[in-house]
Amino acid sequence: MISGVCAFPRSWSSVVLVLGCLLGTKAVAQNSNNPSYAEDFRLLRYALETAHPSLYRFHTPAEFEDAFDSLGALITPDTKGDQFFRYASFIMSMVEEGHSDVGISEKLEFWAIGQPLFPFQVWVGEDQMLATSTEYSGYDAYVGQEIVTINGRTIRQINHALTQATSGRSGSKNLQGQLSMLSLADNFAQSYFLFLDTARSFEVQFRDPATGALLTDSVSGITRANPHSYPYLPEPKKPPVTSEFNLEEGTAYLRIDSFAWWVINYSRRKYARDFRDFFRRVEQEQIAHVIIDVRNNRGGEELIWTDLVGYLTNEPFKIYNSLKTRTTDLSLVEDLPQVQLPNYWEPELYEATDSGYFKQEDEILGTFAPQKKYRFTGNVYVLGNGRSWSAASSFLGFMKTNQLGTLIGQESGGALGYVDGRKRLTFTLPRSQSIVSFPLWSMQLPYTSGDPDRGVLPDLEVTPTFDDLLSGRDVELETVHELIRQMPKAE
C-alpha cells in the first residue's frame, strides 16, 4: 500500500522513483502462477515505436527509451498482472493522446470490480470533488458533501496522480477528458484502487458546501452490488439526433449525442436527413436562434458534422490541414498477436518527409461545399463540455476558429490543434490479455489562434455549481436562453 503523497514530475531520469511511488500498490493475488510479462512489454514497445504517429509529440525518444528501459527492468518472474497493467498504462499516459489505450484484461477487471472500493460515486474537478451518490445507506448523510482529502491526499494530488498514471489525456495541458471520465459511475473508485491505493478503508475529510464546516470520518470500502465494466462509458442515446422548437422564443435546439454511427447503427445518410429536416423547419418557422448541443458527445466520424456545418457557412471549407502516419509498411506490425489492421491503406498515396508520411489524397482532406438550401444566417450557440471528445471536440474547434457561433460551457475533452483517429492498430498482449489499441493516423486541425495543446475553450465559460450538479439543473442551456432574452427584439 502506498504511504505518503505521490508527486509526479516528468523527470525521466528519475522515472523509477516516480513509478516506485505510483506502483507500490499491493499486487493481485489471483495471478499466483506468475507468468512473465517481459514479452508483453516488448511487444507494446515495438508497436508504439514502429507505428504510433504522434508518439514523440510531447516526449522525446530519449525520454521514452528511459521510461521503457526503467520499467522493463522492474518486470521479473514475480511480476503480477496488476503491476504490469500499471506499467503499461504509465507508458500510454506518456503518449498523451486520447485514442491510445491499454485495456484492462477481463481477469484483472473481474477481480478489481469485486473488491471493496471507495464508497461514493463522485463528480471530479481539477481540485474539487463532490460525493454524488452511494450504494450504502449508512453514508447517505455525506452525499452532497465536498470531499477535501482522502487518506491524507488532497483532491488535486489524487487527480494529478491518476491523470499521470492512466491513458485518455488529449494534449499535455488538457485534463478535462480524463476528469470527466472519472466522474462517471464508479470510474473514480476503480481508478483509485487500480492505480493509487488498494486501501479498504478511507479517512475522508468532508466540507459542507452550505456552511463550510469540515468533518473527518473513517469510511469503509463497499463491494458494488451491480458493478460496471471499467472504464464505464454510457451508451449513446438512440436516435442520436433530437430537436426541439420554441416558436414563441424563436429558438430551435439540436442535440447530437454521438457522431459514431457504427455504434448506434445510424447511417451518415440518416444524420444528413435529420440535419436537412431540422434546418428546413428552421427556415419555415423563421427561427432566429439555433442551439447546437454536443455535450457528452464522445465523437465518431467527422464527416457527419461536415453536413451540419454546411448549413452554417456560405464558404467552402476544409476540416484538416494534413494527415500523417509513422509508417506506410503495415507488414512491420502484421505479426502482432491477434492483430487487427485497416482494410484499405493505399501506401502509394503517402509522401515521405523527415517528420512522417503525409497522405496526399483522402476524402477527409478535401474541400467541402456549403449546403445549397436552408442555410441559416441567424444566431448560433454551441454547447460543449469535458466529455465532448474526438470528433465532437474538433467540431467545437471548427465552429470557434471560423466564428460560426458562440461556444458556451466548459473546455472540451479533445485538443484544439490535432486529433488522432480513424485508421487503427489493435492487438492483444498474449500473457496479460490486455488489448492495445491506438490510431495510425494523426490529423492537424486548421485552428488559427489559441493553445493547440488545450481543449477548445468556450467563449463563455459556464460551470455548474455543486447544487446544480445535485439537482440536475442545466445551467449551460439556461444561460443560452437568458442571453437570447436579453437580445433586442427585432422590429
Protein backbone atom coordinates (compact mmCIF):
# COMPACT_ATOMS: atom_id res chain seq x y z
CA MET A 1 0.00 0.00 0.00
CA ILE A 2 1.23 3.47 -0.80
CA SER A 3 2.20 5.71 2.07
CA GLY A 4 2.56 9.47 1.82
CA VAL A 5 1.68 11.56 -1.21
CA CYS A 6 2.95 10.83 -4.70
CA ALA A 7 4.50 13.68 -6.65
CA PHE A 8 4.72 13.19 -10.40
CA PRO A 9 7.39 15.32 -12.01
CA ARG A 10 8.04 14.48 -15.64
CA SER A 11 11.71 13.89 -14.90
CA TRP A 12 12.51 10.76 -16.82
CA SER A 13 15.95 10.33 -15.30
CA SER A 14 14.11 9.55 -12.05
CA VAL A 15 11.29 7.54 -13.60
CA VAL A 16 11.95 4.55 -11.34
CA LEU A 17 11.44 6.71 -8.24
CA VAL A 18 8.25 8.14 -9.68
CA LEU A 19 6.91 4.71 -10.50
CA GLY A 20 8.00 3.34 -7.17
CA CYS A 21 5.58 5.78 -5.58
CA LEU A 22 2.81 5.20 -8.10
CA LEU A 23 3.10 1.45 -8.43
CA GLY A 24 3.57 0.46 -4.84
CA THR A 25 0.02 -0.84 -4.50
CA LYS A 26 -0.46 -4.36 -3.29
CA ALA A 27 -0.25 -6.94 -6.06
CA VAL A 28 -3.15 -9.10 -7.19
CA ALA A 29 -3.24 -12.50 -5.56
CA GLN A 30 -5.14 -14.22 -8.37
CA ASN A 31 -2.05 -14.14 -10.62
CA SER A 32 -0.19 -16.58 -8.42
CA ASN A 33 1.16 -18.55 -11.39
CA ASN A 34 3.40 -15.53 -12.07
CA PRO A 35 3.59 -15.53 -15.87
CA SER A 36 6.41 -13.49 -17.39
CA TYR A 37 5.28 -10.15 -18.77
CA ALA A 38 8.58 -9.18 -20.36
CA GLU A 39 7.44 -10.29 -23.83
CA ASP A 40 4.18 -8.36 -23.48
CA PHE A 41 6.15 -5.24 -22.62
CA ARG A 42 8.49 -5.78 -25.56
CA LEU A 43 5.53 -6.10 -27.93
CA LEU A 44 3.96 -2.92 -26.56
CA ARG A 45 7.21 -1.03 -27.03
CA TYR A 46 7.74 -2.39 -30.54
CA ALA A 47 4.23 -1.48 -31.69
CA LEU A 48 4.38 2.07 -30.33
CA GLU A 49 7.86 2.82 -31.63
CA THR A 50 7.05 1.32 -35.03
CA ALA A 51 3.59 2.64 -35.77
CA HIS A 52 2.24 5.34 -33.42
CA PRO A 53 2.02 8.56 -35.49
CA SER A 54 2.44 11.03 -32.62
CA LEU A 55 4.47 9.09 -30.07
CA TYR A 56 7.02 11.87 -29.68
CA ARG A 57 4.65 14.82 -29.73
CA PHE A 58 5.24 15.65 -26.07
CA HIS A 59 8.19 13.48 -25.02
CA THR A 60 11.45 12.83 -26.82
CA PRO A 61 12.69 9.43 -28.00
CA ALA A 62 15.27 9.57 -25.20
CA GLU A 63 12.55 10.09 -22.59
CA PHE A 64 10.56 7.15 -23.90
CA GLU A 65 13.68 5.00 -24.04
CA ASP A 66 14.42 5.87 -20.41
CA ALA A 67 10.87 5.01 -19.36
CA PHE A 68 10.78 1.74 -21.32
CA ASP A 69 14.17 0.64 -20.02
CA SER A 70 13.43 1.60 -16.42
CA LEU A 71 10.07 -0.13 -16.37
CA GLY A 72 11.34 -3.13 -18.26
CA ALA A 73 13.95 -3.63 -15.57
CA LEU A 74 11.17 -3.87 -12.97
CA ILE A 75 9.50 -6.82 -14.72
CA THR A 76 10.58 -10.11 -13.15
CA PRO A 77 9.14 -13.63 -12.90
CA ASP A 78 7.35 -12.38 -9.77
CA THR A 79 5.56 -9.52 -11.54
CA LYS A 80 1.79 -9.70 -11.08
CA GLY A 81 -0.94 -8.82 -13.53
CA ASP A 82 -2.00 -5.59 -11.84
CA GLN A 83 1.61 -4.40 -11.65
CA PHE A 84 2.11 -5.00 -15.36
CA PHE A 85 -1.14 -3.17 -16.15
CA ARG A 86 0.13 -0.13 -14.26
CA TYR A 87 3.46 -0.21 -16.08
CA ALA A 88 1.76 -0.41 -19.48
CA SER A 89 -0.78 2.29 -18.56
CA PHE A 90 2.00 4.61 -17.42
CA ILE A 91 3.74 4.24 -20.78
CA MET A 92 0.50 5.01 -22.60
CA SER A 93 -0.06 8.05 -20.38
CA MET A 94 3.17 9.50 -21.78
CA VAL A 95 1.65 9.46 -25.27
CA GLU A 96 -0.99 11.95 -24.08
CA GLU A 97 -3.39 11.03 -26.87
CA GLY A 98 -6.99 10.26 -26.04
CA HIS A 99 -7.48 7.41 -28.52
CA SER A 100 -4.44 5.40 -27.40
CA ASP A 101 -5.22 2.80 -24.79
CA VAL A 102 -4.08 -0.32 -22.97
CA GLY A 103 -7.26 -2.05 -21.89
CA ILE A 104 -7.64 -3.93 -18.64
CA SER A 105 -7.81 -7.71 -19.09
CA GLU A 106 -11.08 -9.48 -18.30
CA LYS A 107 -9.42 -11.44 -15.50
CA LEU A 108 -7.98 -8.37 -13.81
CA GLU A 109 -11.19 -6.39 -14.30
CA PHE A 110 -13.30 -9.19 -12.80
CA TRP A 111 -11.07 -9.26 -9.75
CA ALA A 112 -10.90 -5.48 -9.33
CA ILE A 113 -14.62 -4.73 -9.58
CA GLY A 114 -15.30 -7.32 -6.89
CA GLN A 115 -13.14 -5.56 -4.30
CA PRO A 116 -14.35 -3.17 -1.59
CA LEU A 117 -13.93 0.21 -3.28
CA PHE A 118 -14.24 3.85 -2.26
CA PRO A 119 -17.92 4.01 -1.24
CA PHE A 120 -19.03 7.07 -3.22
CA GLN A 121 -19.71 7.93 -6.80
CA VAL A 122 -18.28 11.38 -7.34
CA TRP A 123 -18.08 14.39 -9.61
CA VAL A 124 -14.43 15.23 -10.19
CA GLY A 125 -12.99 18.66 -10.93
CA GLU A 126 -9.30 19.52 -11.15
CA ASP A 127 -9.10 20.37 -7.45
CA GLN A 128 -12.64 19.63 -6.26
CA MET A 129 -14.71 16.53 -5.66
CA LEU A 130 -18.37 16.09 -4.77
CA ALA A 131 -19.96 12.94 -3.36
CA THR A 132 -22.99 12.46 -5.63
CA SER A 133 -24.30 9.04 -4.53
CA THR A 134 -23.54 5.89 -2.57
CA GLU A 135 -24.91 2.35 -2.52
CA TYR A 136 -24.56 2.15 1.27
CA SER A 137 -27.39 3.89 3.10
CA GLY A 138 -25.19 4.40 6.15
CA TYR A 139 -23.23 7.01 4.19
CA ASP A 140 -26.23 8.86 2.75
CA ALA A 141 -25.53 11.82 5.04
CA TYR A 142 -22.32 12.50 3.11
CA VAL A 143 -23.98 12.68 -0.31
CA GLY A 144 -23.85 16.31 -1.40
CA GLN A 145 -20.71 16.98 0.65
CA GLU A 146 -17.48 18.18 -0.89
CA ILE A 147 -14.59 15.74 -0.43
CA VAL A 148 -11.46 17.64 0.57
CA THR A 149 -8.95 14.85 1.26
CA ILE A 150 -8.80 11.05 1.07
CA ASN A 151 -6.26 9.27 3.25
CA GLY A 152 -4.29 12.48 3.66
CA ARG A 153 -4.11 13.38 -0.04
CA THR A 154 -5.77 16.48 -1.44
CA ILE A 155 -8.05 16.11 -4.43
CA ARG A 156 -5.55 17.94 -6.63
CA GLN A 157 -2.82 15.48 -5.59
CA ILE A 158 -5.07 12.49 -6.24
CA ASN A 159 -6.23 13.74 -9.62
CA HIS A 160 -2.70 14.63 -10.65
CA ALA A 161 -1.56 11.12 -9.76
CA LEU A 162 -4.40 9.42 -11.62
CA THR A 163 -4.12 11.53 -14.77
CA GLN A 164 -0.35 10.93 -14.88
CA ALA A 165 -0.85 7.18 -14.46
CA THR A 166 -3.59 6.44 -16.99
CA SER A 167 -4.28 6.98 -20.67
CA GLY A 168 -7.02 9.20 -22.04
CA ARG A 169 -5.49 12.67 -21.93
CA SER A 170 -5.69 14.67 -25.18
CA GLY A 171 -2.94 17.27 -25.08
CA SER A 172 -0.34 17.95 -22.43
CA LYS A 173 -2.39 20.73 -20.83
CA ASN A 174 -5.89 19.31 -21.04
CA LEU A 175 -7.18 17.05 -18.27
CA GLN A 176 -10.88 17.56 -18.97
CA GLY A 177 -11.40 14.28 -20.81
CA GLN A 178 -9.87 12.24 -18.01
CA LEU A 179 -11.60 14.16 -15.21
CA SER A 180 -14.98 13.84 -16.91
CA MET A 181 -14.45 10.09 -17.28
CA LEU A 182 -13.56 9.77 -13.59
CA SER A 183 -16.92 11.39 -12.84
CA LEU A 184 -18.85 8.55 -14.49
CA ALA A 185 -20.32 5.78 -12.32
CA ASP A 186 -17.56 4.05 -10.31
CA ASN A 187 -14.66 5.04 -12.57
CA PHE A 188 -13.02 7.11 -9.83
CA ALA A 189 -13.30 4.37 -7.20
CA GLN A 190 -11.92 1.75 -9.58
CA SER A 191 -9.10 4.01 -10.81
CA TYR A 192 -8.14 4.89 -7.24
CA PHE A 193 -7.91 1.19 -6.42
CA LEU A 194 -6.07 0.13 -9.58
CA PHE A 195 -3.55 2.96 -9.79
CA LEU A 196 -3.15 4.63 -6.43
CA ASP A 197 -4.13 2.73 -3.29
CA THR A 198 -5.64 -0.67 -2.51
CA ALA A 199 -6.92 0.51 0.88
CA ARG A 200 -10.20 -0.94 2.10
CA SER A 201 -10.90 1.92 4.49
CA PHE A 202 -10.64 5.64 3.90
CA GLU A 203 -10.16 8.62 6.15
CA VAL A 204 -12.14 11.29 4.35
CA GLN A 205 -12.38 14.97 5.12
CA PHE A 206 -15.71 16.40 4.04
CA ARG A 207 -16.81 20.01 3.72
CA ASP A 208 -20.43 21.12 3.86
CA PRO A 209 -20.84 23.39 0.80
CA ALA A 210 -23.54 25.40 2.57
CA THR A 211 -21.70 26.16 5.82
CA GLY A 212 -18.06 25.42 5.03
CA ALA A 213 -17.86 23.20 8.12
CA LEU A 214 -15.24 20.44 7.96
CA LEU A 215 -15.77 16.90 9.21
CA THR A 216 -13.35 13.96 9.09
CA ASP A 217 -14.67 10.41 9.22
CA SER A 218 -13.39 6.93 8.52
CA VAL A 219 -15.48 5.10 5.91
CA SER A 220 -15.16 1.54 4.69
CA GLY A 221 -14.96 0.42 1.10
CA ILE A 222 -18.00 -1.36 -0.29
CA THR A 223 -18.39 -4.06 -2.90
CA ARG A 224 -20.75 -2.88 -5.62
CA ALA A 225 -24.00 -4.80 -5.99
CA ASN A 226 -24.11 -4.16 -9.76
CA PRO A 227 -20.57 -3.26 -10.81
CA HIS A 228 -19.89 -1.61 -14.16
CA SER A 229 -17.15 -2.63 -16.54
CA TYR A 230 -14.02 -0.49 -16.33
CA PRO A 231 -13.87 2.17 -17.51
CA TYR A 232 -17.60 2.74 -17.67
CA LEU A 233 -18.84 4.75 -20.64
CA PRO A 234 -22.59 5.23 -21.15
CA GLU A 235 -24.13 4.03 -24.39
CA PRO A 236 -25.05 6.84 -26.82
CA LYS A 237 -28.74 7.62 -26.97
CA LYS A 238 -30.87 6.41 -29.86
CA PRO A 239 -31.68 8.18 -32.04
CA PRO A 240 -28.52 10.29 -31.74
CA VAL A 241 -30.13 13.44 -33.17
CA THR A 242 -33.07 15.12 -31.45
CA SER A 243 -34.57 18.59 -31.72
CA GLU A 244 -37.00 20.94 -30.01
CA PHE A 245 -38.61 24.14 -31.29
CA ASN A 246 -39.85 27.06 -29.20
CA LEU A 247 -41.74 29.22 -31.65
CA GLU A 248 -42.65 31.85 -29.07
CA GLU A 249 -38.98 32.37 -28.19
CA GLY A 250 -37.84 31.87 -31.77
CA THR A 251 -35.36 29.13 -30.87
CA ALA A 252 -34.53 25.72 -32.26
CA TYR A 253 -32.49 23.24 -30.21
CA LEU A 254 -30.47 20.47 -31.88
CA ARG A 255 -28.84 17.82 -29.70
CA ILE A 256 -26.31 15.37 -31.14
CA ASP A 257 -25.38 12.64 -28.67
CA SER A 258 -22.89 10.86 -30.91
CA PHE A 259 -21.20 11.02 -34.29
CA ALA A 260 -20.31 7.31 -34.01
CA TRP A 261 -22.83 5.93 -36.49
CA TRP A 262 -21.38 2.39 -36.30
CA VAL A 263 -22.01 2.18 -32.55
CA ILE A 264 -25.69 3.03 -32.80
CA ASN A 265 -26.45 1.65 -36.27
CA TYR A 266 -27.40 5.07 -37.61
CA SER A 267 -26.06 5.80 -41.08
CA ARG A 268 -24.48 9.01 -42.28
CA ARG A 269 -27.46 9.35 -44.62
CA LYS A 270 -29.82 9.40 -41.62
CA TYR A 271 -27.76 12.11 -39.94
CA ALA A 272 -27.85 14.15 -43.16
CA ARG A 273 -31.63 13.69 -43.35
CA ASP A 274 -32.07 14.82 -39.74
CA PHE A 275 -29.94 17.93 -40.29
CA ARG A 276 -31.81 18.78 -43.50
CA ASP A 277 -35.21 18.37 -41.84
CA PHE A 278 -34.10 20.49 -38.89
CA PHE A 279 -32.86 23.43 -40.95
CA ARG A 280 -35.79 23.22 -43.34
CA ARG A 281 -38.13 23.71 -40.41
CA VAL A 282 -35.86 26.46 -39.04
CA GLU A 283 -36.36 28.30 -42.32
CA GLN A 284 -40.10 27.61 -42.46
CA GLU A 285 -40.66 28.83 -38.89
CA GLN A 286 -38.35 31.82 -39.37
CA ILE A 287 -36.29 30.81 -36.36
CA ALA A 288 -33.78 33.44 -35.20
CA HIS A 289 -31.68 31.40 -32.76
CA VAL A 290 -30.23 27.89 -33.19
CA ILE A 291 -28.71 26.00 -30.25
CA ILE A 292 -26.44 23.03 -31.06
CA ASP A 293 -25.59 20.75 -28.13
CA VAL A 294 -22.64 18.32 -28.31
CA ARG A 295 -22.11 17.96 -24.57
CA ASN A 296 -21.19 14.40 -23.58
CA ASN A 297 -20.73 13.51 -27.26
CA ARG A 298 -17.76 11.13 -27.34
CA GLY A 299 -17.13 11.71 -31.03
CA GLY A 300 -17.23 9.43 -34.04
CA GLU A 301 -16.91 10.38 -37.70
CA GLU A 302 -16.11 13.99 -38.51
CA LEU A 303 -17.66 13.71 -41.97
CA ILE A 304 -21.04 13.68 -40.25
CA TRP A 305 -20.58 17.14 -38.83
CA THR A 306 -19.42 18.49 -42.20
CA ASP A 307 -23.03 18.02 -43.34
CA LEU A 308 -24.16 20.09 -40.35
CA VAL A 309 -21.58 22.85 -40.87
CA GLY A 310 -22.74 23.18 -44.46
CA TYR A 311 -25.94 24.85 -43.21
CA LEU A 312 -23.97 27.43 -41.21
CA THR A 313 -21.45 28.76 -43.72
CA ASN A 314 -21.53 30.29 -47.19
CA GLU A 315 -17.93 29.39 -47.98
CA PRO A 316 -16.23 26.12 -48.99
CA PHE A 317 -14.23 24.70 -46.10
CA LYS A 318 -11.59 22.15 -45.09
CA ILE A 319 -11.56 20.26 -41.81
CA TYR A 320 -7.90 19.16 -41.73
CA ASN A 321 -4.65 20.77 -42.80
CA SER A 322 -2.74 17.49 -43.02
CA LEU A 323 -2.82 13.77 -42.32
CA LYS A 324 0.28 11.80 -41.42
CA THR A 325 1.31 8.31 -40.36
CA ARG A 326 4.51 6.92 -38.88
CA THR A 327 4.89 4.06 -41.37
CA THR A 328 3.30 3.03 -44.63
CA ASP A 329 4.56 -0.55 -44.29
CA LEU A 330 1.96 -2.40 -42.25
CA SER A 331 3.85 -5.66 -42.71
CA LEU A 332 6.02 -4.40 -39.84
CA VAL A 333 3.13 -4.96 -37.43
CA GLU A 334 1.05 -7.65 -39.13
CA ASP A 335 2.55 -10.41 -36.96
CA LEU A 336 1.47 -8.87 -33.66
CA PRO A 337 -0.81 -11.23 -31.68
CA GLN A 338 -4.47 -11.17 -32.75
CA VAL A 339 -3.76 -8.04 -34.74
CA GLN A 340 -6.45 -6.00 -36.47
CA LEU A 341 -5.32 -3.64 -39.23
CA PRO A 342 -7.11 -1.30 -41.67
CA ASN A 343 -8.55 -2.93 -44.77
CA TYR A 344 -7.59 -0.07 -47.08
CA TRP A 345 -4.20 1.55 -46.62
CA GLU A 346 -3.01 2.82 -50.05
CA PRO A 347 0.70 3.33 -49.24
CA GLU A 348 1.30 4.82 -52.69
CA LEU A 349 -0.71 7.92 -51.67
CA TYR A 350 1.74 8.97 -48.94
CA GLU A 351 4.73 11.26 -49.32
CA ALA A 352 7.78 10.62 -47.14
CA THR A 353 9.18 13.53 -45.11
CA ASP A 354 11.53 13.89 -42.14
CA SER A 355 8.52 14.10 -39.79
CA GLY A 356 6.50 11.19 -41.15
CA TYR A 357 4.50 10.07 -44.16
CA PHE A 358 1.85 12.57 -45.25
CA LYS A 359 -1.15 11.39 -47.22
CA GLN A 360 -1.76 13.41 -50.36
CA GLU A 361 -5.32 12.33 -51.17
CA ASP A 362 -8.22 11.34 -48.96
CA GLU A 363 -11.88 12.23 -48.56
CA ILE A 364 -11.25 13.97 -45.25
CA LEU A 365 -8.54 16.16 -46.83
CA GLY A 366 -10.92 17.50 -49.44
CA THR A 367 -12.84 20.77 -49.64
CA PHE A 368 -16.47 20.66 -48.54
CA ALA A 369 -19.19 22.79 -50.08
CA PRO A 370 -21.91 24.66 -48.19
CA GLN A 371 -25.44 23.34 -48.46
CA LYS A 372 -27.45 24.69 -51.38
CA LYS A 373 -30.68 25.09 -49.42
CA TYR A 374 -31.80 26.04 -45.90
CA ARG A 375 -28.59 27.83 -44.90
CA PHE A 376 -29.01 29.58 -41.57
CA THR A 377 -27.75 33.13 -41.01
CA GLY A 378 -29.15 33.83 -37.54
CA ASN A 379 -27.58 33.45 -34.10
CA VAL A 380 -25.87 30.14 -33.31
CA TYR A 381 -24.99 28.91 -29.82
CA VAL A 382 -22.94 25.75 -29.29
CA LEU A 383 -22.81 23.83 -26.00
CA GLY A 384 -19.76 21.71 -25.16
CA ASN A 385 -18.01 20.27 -22.11
CA GLY A 386 -15.21 17.99 -20.95
CA ARG A 387 -17.00 14.95 -22.35
CA SER A 388 -17.09 16.47 -25.84
CA TRP A 389 -14.35 14.24 -27.22
CA SER A 390 -12.72 13.43 -30.54
CA ALA A 391 -14.94 14.45 -33.48
CA ALA A 392 -17.20 16.45 -31.14
CA SER A 393 -14.19 18.42 -29.92
CA SER A 394 -12.96 19.02 -33.48
CA PHE A 395 -16.46 20.27 -34.37
CA LEU A 396 -16.27 22.75 -31.50
CA GLY A 397 -12.82 23.84 -32.66
CA PHE A 398 -14.03 24.36 -36.21
CA MET A 399 -17.01 26.40 -35.06
CA LYS A 400 -14.78 28.60 -32.89
CA THR A 401 -11.98 29.03 -35.43
CA ASN A 402 -14.46 30.06 -38.12
CA GLN A 403 -16.57 32.19 -35.76
CA LEU A 404 -19.74 30.36 -36.72
CA GLY A 405 -21.31 30.51 -33.27
CA THR A 406 -20.90 31.37 -29.60
CA LEU A 407 -19.42 28.48 -27.60
CA ILE A 408 -20.83 28.06 -24.08
CA GLY A 409 -19.92 25.56 -21.37
CA GLN A 410 -16.53 24.14 -20.42
CA GLU A 411 -13.27 23.23 -22.13
CA SER A 412 -13.66 20.27 -24.46
CA GLY A 413 -12.04 16.90 -23.83
CA GLY A 414 -10.06 16.90 -27.08
CA ALA A 415 -7.19 19.06 -28.31
CA LEU A 416 -7.63 22.26 -30.32
CA GLY A 417 -4.73 21.64 -32.68
CA TYR A 418 -4.87 17.98 -33.65
CA VAL A 419 -6.75 14.71 -33.40
CA ASP A 420 -5.53 11.15 -33.92
CA GLY A 421 -8.02 8.58 -35.08
CA ARG A 422 -9.79 6.72 -37.90
CA LYS A 423 -7.33 4.02 -39.05
CA ARG A 424 -6.35 1.91 -36.02
CA LEU A 425 -3.96 -0.81 -34.94
CA THR A 426 -5.36 -3.21 -32.34
CA PHE A 427 -3.73 -6.32 -30.89
CA THR A 428 -3.77 -8.46 -27.74
CA LEU A 429 -0.81 -8.91 -25.44
CA PRO A 430 -0.62 -12.71 -25.11
CA ARG A 431 0.23 -13.07 -21.42
CA SER A 432 -1.68 -10.24 -19.79
CA GLN A 433 -4.54 -10.45 -22.34
CA SER A 434 -4.68 -6.65 -22.35
CA ILE A 435 -5.90 -5.20 -25.63
CA VAL A 436 -3.70 -2.43 -27.02
CA SER A 437 -5.28 -0.02 -29.48
CA PHE A 438 -4.08 3.22 -31.00
CA PRO A 439 -4.59 5.28 -34.17
CA LEU A 440 -2.33 5.05 -37.20
CA TRP A 441 -3.34 8.50 -38.45
CA SER A 442 -2.70 11.91 -36.93
CA MET A 443 -4.55 14.91 -38.35
CA GLN A 444 -3.73 18.58 -37.88
CA LEU A 445 -6.76 20.79 -37.34
CA PRO A 446 -6.98 24.22 -39.02
CA TYR A 447 -7.01 26.37 -35.89
CA THR A 448 -5.82 29.98 -36.24
CA SER A 449 -5.32 31.02 -32.61
CA GLY A 450 -5.22 29.51 -29.15
CA ASP A 451 -3.12 26.84 -27.48
CA PRO A 452 -3.16 23.65 -29.58
CA ASP A 453 -2.42 21.52 -26.50
CA ARG A 454 -5.51 22.73 -24.66
CA GLY A 455 -9.05 21.69 -25.37
CA VAL A 456 -11.41 24.02 -27.21
CA LEU A 457 -12.13 26.85 -24.78
CA PRO A 458 -15.65 28.27 -24.69
CA ASP A 459 -16.37 31.90 -25.48
CA LEU A 460 -18.46 31.97 -22.31
CA GLU A 461 -17.44 29.55 -19.58
CA VAL A 462 -20.36 28.28 -17.54
CA THR A 463 -19.57 25.74 -14.82
CA PRO A 464 -22.31 24.06 -12.76
CA THR A 465 -22.17 24.59 -9.01
CA PHE A 466 -22.41 21.69 -6.58
CA ASP A 467 -26.11 22.50 -6.15
CA ASP A 468 -26.58 22.45 -9.93
CA LEU A 469 -24.90 19.04 -10.17
CA LEU A 470 -27.01 17.54 -7.40
CA SER A 471 -30.30 18.96 -8.68
CA GLY A 472 -29.63 18.19 -12.34
CA ARG A 473 -30.06 21.83 -13.30
CA ASP A 474 -28.93 22.57 -16.87
CA VAL A 475 -27.20 25.86 -16.16
CA GLU A 476 -25.48 25.99 -19.57
CA LEU A 477 -28.74 25.78 -21.51
CA GLU A 478 -30.37 28.24 -19.12
CA THR A 479 -27.54 30.67 -19.84
CA VAL A 480 -28.21 30.46 -23.58
CA HIS A 481 -31.90 31.22 -23.10
CA GLU A 482 -31.04 34.14 -20.83
CA LEU A 483 -28.70 35.56 -23.48
CA ILE A 484 -31.48 35.28 -26.05
CA ARG A 485 -33.99 37.01 -23.77
CA GLN A 486 -31.55 39.89 -23.27
CA MET A 487 -31.18 40.50 -27.00
CA PRO A 488 -33.08 43.43 -28.51
CA LYS A 489 -36.30 42.35 -30.17
CA ALA A 490 -36.45 42.67 -33.94
CA GLU A 491 -38.71 45.45 -35.19
